[in-house]
Structure formats: structure tokens, C-alpha cells
Amino acid sequence: MFVMLKGDAARLDEAIAALAEAGISGGLSDRGADLVEAYFHDGSDRPSSEFGDQCTARAQQAVAHLGFTSQGFGTQVNDASTIRPVFDRRTGKHVDSVHDRHPLLPVAQQLLDISERHNVPLEELDVRDNQAFDIPTE
């Protein structure tokens, strides 16, 4: 499932970093120029609305200080495991995410875009496998 968060387009990278600080995988949304998405998974193809509400609250809390607001949540069947976090090898910090099954952008292009957007040399980007899904703890 994903939670859409809308805010100032100039602060998208800050929002993604704030999500990462909160232990939430996130990335730019292809649904709008001023949107980021937070990714969650409960182990099913049809998460409950209660789970969606919990995820929305958790994501909203992580980016509220940046002025981002929730625009709702949605699901993409069998998609969560195809979103992988990207880290800067130099700092060890999460910088963005790639989508292995993106319908329009191959991973190589996504990585080039991330490299340019975050000013991180391509060879310093580390794509990792998801070790665990983000399930609300509260």
C-alpha cells in the first residue's frame, strides 16, 4: 500500500528523508509533481482500512513539520516487494527508492535520476533489498 503526501515541490527530498528517519520507505510519486509516497505492507494483497488509517497517520506524522498533508492511500497488488530502498554508500543514509516493475522507467534510468536529483555519484548509490515491510507499531 502507499500513502500519498502532498507538499511544497521544493521540499520533496526533505520529505523522503523525514520518512526514512521515521523508518518508512518512501519515494517520489509519479501521480503528481508535488507528491511523495510512503510504502507499507501488511503481508496481504488487501490491507484493511484500519491498516490504511494507521499507515496514513504514521506517514503524516513523519512529514507534518514540512507542511506535507495526506492525500489518501491506495494499493497496488503484488507491488510492495518491488520497491527497493537506495542508500548513499558514503553516508549510509537512505536517499530514495527504485521500483523494479515501474511501467515507464527501467531501474537504470531511475538510478540516473536519483543520482542527479540528490547529487550522489551513480557508483555511490546502493540499492538494497527490503529487509522488512513497514508495519505500523502503534
Foldseek 3Di string as FASTA:
>chain_A
DKWKKFDDLVCQQVLQLLCVVLVWAKACDPVDSGIIITFFDDPDQDDDVVQQVLVQVSSCVSCVVVVIHTPGDDGDGPFRQQKWWKAQQVVRGTRHIDGCPPPPDHRVRVLVVSCVVVVGPSVRIDTDGDPDGDGRPD
